[in-house]
Amino acid sequence: AELEADGVKVRVVSMPCWELFDAQPQTYRDEVLPPEVSKRLSIEAGVPLGWHKYVGMAGDVIGLDRFGESAPGGQVLKELGFNVENVVSRAQALLDS
């Protein structure tokens, strides 16, 4: 919503299962992830390994790259970058690159 408020067109895609997505026809996959769109950001509340297949070399991935944090869940998520401010900042950096 914050990016859209700044006039940035945003598309959100939920991909809970790579295998199911990959099994779809290429035409469907291209509708969901248009090849001409290179500024892609994935958000994975787990290990980010593998997401560059979908965001491409020009994309970015927010994911867990360290473990062992101990605090209430919301605080840990914020510390690890799973918050609006970080997502907007990373998306803006992609758009500016």
N, C-alpha and C. Protein backbone atom coordinates (compact mmCIF):
# COMPACT_ATOMS: atom_id res chain seq x y z
N ALA A 1 0.82 -1.19 0.00
CA ALA A 1 0.00 0.00 0.00
C ALA A 1 0.87 1.26 0.00
N GLU A 2 2.00 1.21 0.72
CA GLU A 2 2.86 2.39 0.78
C GLU A 2 3.48 2.70 -0.58
N LEU A 3 3.91 1.68 -1.28
CA LEU A 3 4.48 1.90 -2.62
C LEU A 3 3.43 2.41 -3.58
N GLU A 4 2.23 1.84 -3.51
CA GLU A 4 1.14 2.29 -4.38
C GLU A 4 0.76 3.73 -4.08
N ALA A 5 0.85 4.12 -2.82
CA ALA A 5 0.56 5.51 -2.45
C ALA A 5 1.56 6.46 -3.09
N ASP A 6 2.77 5.95 -3.38
CA ASP A 6 3.80 6.75 -4.05
C ASP A 6 3.72 6.62 -5.57
N GLY A 7 2.66 5.97 -6.06
CA GLY A 7 2.47 5.84 -7.50
C GLY A 7 3.18 4.66 -8.13
N VAL A 8 3.69 3.75 -7.32
CA VAL A 8 4.38 2.57 -7.83
C VAL A 8 3.36 1.44 -8.01
N LYS A 9 3.32 0.88 -9.20
CA LYS A 9 2.43 -0.26 -9.45
C LYS A 9 3.07 -1.50 -8.84
N VAL A 10 2.31 -2.18 -8.01
CA VAL A 10 2.81 -3.35 -7.29
C VAL A 10 1.93 -4.55 -7.57
N ARG A 11 2.55 -5.68 -7.73
CA ARG A 11 1.82 -6.93 -7.93
C ARG A 11 2.29 -7.90 -6.86
N VAL A 12 1.36 -8.50 -6.13
CA VAL A 12 1.70 -9.46 -5.09
C VAL A 12 1.33 -10.85 -5.59
N VAL A 13 2.28 -11.76 -5.50
CA VAL A 13 2.07 -13.15 -5.91
C VAL A 13 2.38 -14.04 -4.72
N SER A 14 1.45 -14.91 -4.38
CA SER A 14 1.68 -15.89 -3.32
C SER A 14 2.09 -17.20 -3.98
N MET A 15 3.24 -17.73 -3.57
CA MET A 15 3.73 -18.98 -4.15
C MET A 15 4.07 -19.95 -3.02
N PRO A 16 3.05 -20.62 -2.47
CA PRO A 16 3.30 -21.53 -1.35
C PRO A 16 4.02 -22.82 -1.73
N CYS A 17 4.06 -23.16 -3.03
CA CYS A 17 4.69 -24.42 -3.43
C CYS A 17 5.37 -24.26 -4.80
N TRP A 18 6.70 -24.24 -4.81
CA TRP A 18 7.44 -24.10 -6.06
C TRP A 18 7.11 -25.22 -7.03
N GLU A 19 7.01 -26.44 -6.51
CA GLU A 19 6.80 -27.60 -7.38
C GLU A 19 5.48 -27.48 -8.15
N LEU A 20 4.42 -27.05 -7.47
CA LEU A 20 3.14 -26.88 -8.15
C LEU A 20 3.21 -25.77 -9.19
N PHE A 21 3.88 -24.68 -8.84
CA PHE A 21 4.03 -23.58 -9.79
C PHE A 21 4.82 -24.04 -11.02
N ASP A 22 5.93 -24.73 -10.79
CA ASP A 22 6.78 -25.19 -11.89
C ASP A 22 6.07 -26.20 -12.79
N ALA A 23 5.08 -26.90 -12.24
CA ALA A 23 4.35 -27.91 -13.02
C ALA A 23 3.29 -27.29 -13.93
N GLN A 24 3.04 -25.99 -13.78
CA GLN A 24 2.04 -25.31 -14.60
C GLN A 24 2.60 -25.02 -15.99
N PRO A 25 1.71 -24.86 -16.97
CA PRO A 25 2.18 -24.52 -18.33
C PRO A 25 2.96 -23.20 -18.32
N GLN A 26 3.90 -23.08 -19.23
CA GLN A 26 4.73 -21.87 -19.32
C GLN A 26 3.87 -20.62 -19.49
N THR A 27 2.78 -20.71 -20.23
CA THR A 27 1.92 -19.54 -20.43
C THR A 27 1.36 -19.04 -19.11
N TYR A 28 0.97 -19.95 -18.23
CA TYR A 28 0.47 -19.56 -16.90
C TYR A 28 1.59 -18.93 -16.08
N ARG A 29 2.76 -19.57 -16.07
CA ARG A 29 3.88 -19.03 -15.29
C ARG A 29 4.27 -17.64 -15.77
N ASP A 30 4.19 -17.42 -17.09
CA ASP A 30 4.50 -16.09 -17.63
C ASP A 30 3.43 -15.06 -17.30
N GLU A 31 2.20 -15.49 -17.13
CA GLU A 31 1.14 -14.57 -16.69
C GLU A 31 1.37 -14.14 -15.25
N VAL A 32 1.78 -15.08 -14.42
CA VAL A 32 2.01 -14.79 -13.00
C VAL A 32 3.29 -13.99 -12.81
N LEU A 33 4.35 -14.41 -13.47
CA LEU A 33 5.65 -13.74 -13.38
C LEU A 33 6.08 -13.33 -14.80
N PRO A 34 5.56 -12.20 -15.29
CA PRO A 34 5.87 -11.79 -16.67
C PRO A 34 7.38 -11.66 -16.90
N PRO A 35 7.89 -12.26 -17.95
CA PRO A 35 9.33 -12.23 -18.22
C PRO A 35 9.89 -10.81 -18.35
N GLU A 36 9.07 -9.87 -18.80
CA GLU A 36 9.56 -8.49 -18.97
C GLU A 36 9.69 -7.74 -17.64
N VAL A 37 9.20 -8.31 -16.56
CA VAL A 37 9.32 -7.68 -15.24
C VAL A 37 10.56 -8.23 -14.55
N SER A 38 11.56 -7.39 -14.37
CA SER A 38 12.81 -7.85 -13.75
C SER A 38 12.99 -7.37 -12.32
N LYS A 39 12.22 -6.39 -11.91
CA LYS A 39 12.33 -5.85 -10.55
C LYS A 39 11.39 -6.64 -9.64
N ARG A 40 11.89 -7.74 -9.10
CA ARG A 40 11.08 -8.64 -8.27
C ARG A 40 11.70 -8.78 -6.90
N LEU A 41 10.84 -8.84 -5.89
CA LEU A 41 11.26 -9.00 -4.51
C LEU A 41 10.47 -10.13 -3.89
N SER A 42 11.16 -11.13 -3.36
CA SER A 42 10.46 -12.20 -2.65
C SER A 42 10.67 -12.03 -1.16
N ILE A 43 9.68 -12.46 -0.41
CA ILE A 43 9.73 -12.41 1.05
C ILE A 43 9.46 -13.82 1.54
N GLU A 44 10.46 -14.41 2.17
CA GLU A 44 10.38 -15.80 2.63
C GLU A 44 10.75 -15.86 4.11
N ALA A 45 9.79 -16.24 4.95
CA ALA A 45 10.05 -16.36 6.38
C ALA A 45 10.75 -17.69 6.65
N GLY A 46 11.76 -17.94 5.88
CA GLY A 46 12.58 -19.14 5.96
C GLY A 46 13.86 -18.87 5.20
N VAL A 47 14.60 -19.91 4.91
CA VAL A 47 15.86 -19.78 4.18
C VAL A 47 15.59 -19.26 2.77
N PRO A 48 16.30 -18.22 2.34
CA PRO A 48 16.03 -17.63 1.03
C PRO A 48 16.58 -18.43 -0.16
N LEU A 49 17.32 -19.48 0.11
CA LEU A 49 17.91 -20.29 -0.94
C LEU A 49 16.86 -20.76 -1.94
N GLY A 50 17.11 -20.54 -3.21
CA GLY A 50 16.21 -20.99 -4.27
C GLY A 50 15.31 -19.93 -4.86
N TRP A 51 15.11 -18.82 -4.16
CA TRP A 51 14.18 -17.80 -4.65
C TRP A 51 14.70 -17.03 -5.85
N HIS A 52 16.01 -17.01 -6.08
CA HIS A 52 16.51 -16.27 -7.25
C HIS A 52 16.05 -16.88 -8.56
N LYS A 53 15.64 -18.14 -8.53
CA LYS A 53 15.05 -18.75 -9.72
C LYS A 53 13.80 -17.99 -10.16
N TYR A 54 13.10 -17.40 -9.20
CA TYR A 54 11.84 -16.71 -9.48
C TYR A 54 11.98 -15.19 -9.53
N VAL A 55 12.91 -14.63 -8.78
CA VAL A 55 13.08 -13.17 -8.81
C VAL A 55 14.10 -12.76 -9.87
N GLY A 56 14.93 -13.68 -10.32
CA GLY A 56 15.93 -13.37 -11.33
C GLY A 56 17.16 -12.70 -10.74
N MET A 57 18.15 -12.50 -11.57
CA MET A 57 19.41 -11.91 -11.12
C MET A 57 19.25 -10.44 -10.74
N ALA A 58 18.24 -9.77 -11.27
CA ALA A 58 18.01 -8.36 -10.95
C ALA A 58 17.09 -8.22 -9.74
N GLY A 59 16.61 -9.33 -9.20
CA GLY A 59 15.68 -9.29 -8.08
C GLY A 59 16.39 -9.33 -6.74
N ASP A 60 15.59 -9.36 -5.69
CA ASP A 60 16.11 -9.38 -4.32
C ASP A 60 15.24 -10.32 -3.49
N VAL A 61 15.84 -10.85 -2.44
CA VAL A 61 15.14 -11.79 -1.57
C VAL A 61 15.30 -11.36 -0.12
N ILE A 62 14.19 -11.22 0.58
CA ILE A 62 14.21 -11.02 2.02
C ILE A 62 13.93 -12.39 2.63
N GLY A 63 14.84 -12.87 3.45
CA GLY A 63 14.68 -14.19 4.05
C GLY A 63 15.53 -14.31 5.30
N LEU A 64 15.45 -15.47 5.92
CA LEU A 64 16.22 -15.72 7.14
C LEU A 64 17.63 -16.17 6.77
N ASP A 65 18.60 -15.33 7.11
CA ASP A 65 19.99 -15.70 6.83
C ASP A 65 20.78 -15.92 8.12
N ARG A 66 20.06 -15.89 9.23
CA ARG A 66 20.68 -16.19 10.53
C ARG A 66 19.60 -16.71 11.46
N PHE A 67 20.03 -17.40 12.49
CA PHE A 67 19.10 -18.00 13.43
C PHE A 67 19.57 -17.74 14.85
N GLY A 68 18.74 -18.06 15.81
CA GLY A 68 19.13 -17.97 17.20
C GLY A 68 18.60 -16.75 17.93
N GLU A 69 17.78 -15.94 17.28
CA GLU A 69 17.20 -14.77 17.95
C GLU A 69 16.20 -15.24 18.99
N SER A 70 16.14 -14.52 20.10
CA SER A 70 15.20 -14.88 21.15
C SER A 70 14.51 -13.62 21.66
N ALA A 71 13.22 -13.56 21.42
CA ALA A 71 12.39 -12.42 21.85
C ALA A 71 10.97 -12.75 21.42
N PRO A 72 10.00 -11.92 21.80
CA PRO A 72 8.65 -12.14 21.28
C PRO A 72 8.66 -12.14 19.75
N GLY A 73 7.79 -12.95 19.15
CA GLY A 73 7.77 -13.16 17.70
C GLY A 73 7.80 -11.90 16.87
N GLY A 74 6.93 -10.93 17.19
CA GLY A 74 6.88 -9.70 16.42
C GLY A 74 8.18 -8.93 16.45
N GLN A 75 8.83 -8.95 17.60
CA GLN A 75 10.10 -8.26 17.74
C GLN A 75 11.19 -8.95 16.91
N VAL A 76 11.20 -10.28 16.94
CA VAL A 76 12.18 -11.03 16.15
C VAL A 76 11.97 -10.78 14.66
N LEU A 77 10.71 -10.81 14.21
CA LEU A 77 10.43 -10.57 12.79
C LEU A 77 10.92 -9.19 12.37
N LYS A 78 10.67 -8.19 13.21
CA LYS A 78 11.12 -6.84 12.89
C LYS A 78 12.65 -6.78 12.82
N GLU A 79 13.32 -7.40 13.78
CA GLU A 79 14.78 -7.43 13.81
C GLU A 79 15.35 -8.10 12.56
N LEU A 80 14.65 -9.11 12.06
CA LEU A 80 15.12 -9.85 10.89
C LEU A 80 14.71 -9.20 9.56
N GLY A 81 14.01 -8.07 9.63
CA GLY A 81 13.66 -7.33 8.41
C GLY A 81 12.30 -7.63 7.83
N PHE A 82 11.48 -8.37 8.57
CA PHE A 82 10.14 -8.68 8.10
C PHE A 82 9.17 -7.63 8.62
N ASN A 83 9.30 -6.42 8.08
CA ASN A 83 8.43 -5.31 8.47
C ASN A 83 8.22 -4.40 7.26
N VAL A 84 7.21 -3.59 7.35
CA VAL A 84 6.84 -2.73 6.22
C VAL A 84 8.00 -1.83 5.80
N GLU A 85 8.67 -1.24 6.76
CA GLU A 85 9.74 -0.30 6.44
C GLU A 85 10.84 -0.97 5.62
N ASN A 86 11.26 -2.16 6.03
CA ASN A 86 12.32 -2.85 5.30
C ASN A 86 11.87 -3.30 3.92
N VAL A 87 10.65 -3.83 3.83
CA VAL A 87 10.14 -4.28 2.54
C VAL A 87 10.06 -3.11 1.57
N VAL A 88 9.53 -1.98 2.02
CA VAL A 88 9.43 -0.79 1.16
C VAL A 88 10.83 -0.31 0.77
N SER A 89 11.75 -0.30 1.71
CA SER A 89 13.11 0.15 1.43
C SER A 89 13.79 -0.75 0.40
N ARG A 90 13.66 -2.04 0.55
CA ARG A 90 14.29 -2.98 -0.39
C ARG A 90 13.63 -2.88 -1.77
N ALA A 91 12.31 -2.72 -1.80
CA ALA A 91 11.62 -2.57 -3.08
C ALA A 91 12.05 -1.28 -3.77
N GLN A 92 12.16 -0.21 -3.00
CA GLN A 92 12.57 1.07 -3.58
C GLN A 92 14.00 0.98 -4.11
N ALA A 93 14.87 0.29 -3.39
CA ALA A 93 16.25 0.11 -3.85
C ALA A 93 16.28 -0.65 -5.18
N LEU A 94 15.42 -1.65 -5.31
CA LEU A 94 15.32 -2.38 -6.58
C LEU A 94 14.89 -1.45 -7.71
N LEU A 95 13.87 -0.65 -7.43
CA LEU A 95 13.35 0.25 -8.46
C LEU A 95 14.37 1.30 -8.86
N ASP A 96 15.21 1.70 -7.91
CA ASP A 96 16.21 2.73 -8.18
C ASP A 96 17.46 2.17 -8.86
N SER A 97 17.59 0.85 -8.89
CA SER A 97 18.81 0.25 -9.47
C SER A 97 18.71 0.12 -10.98
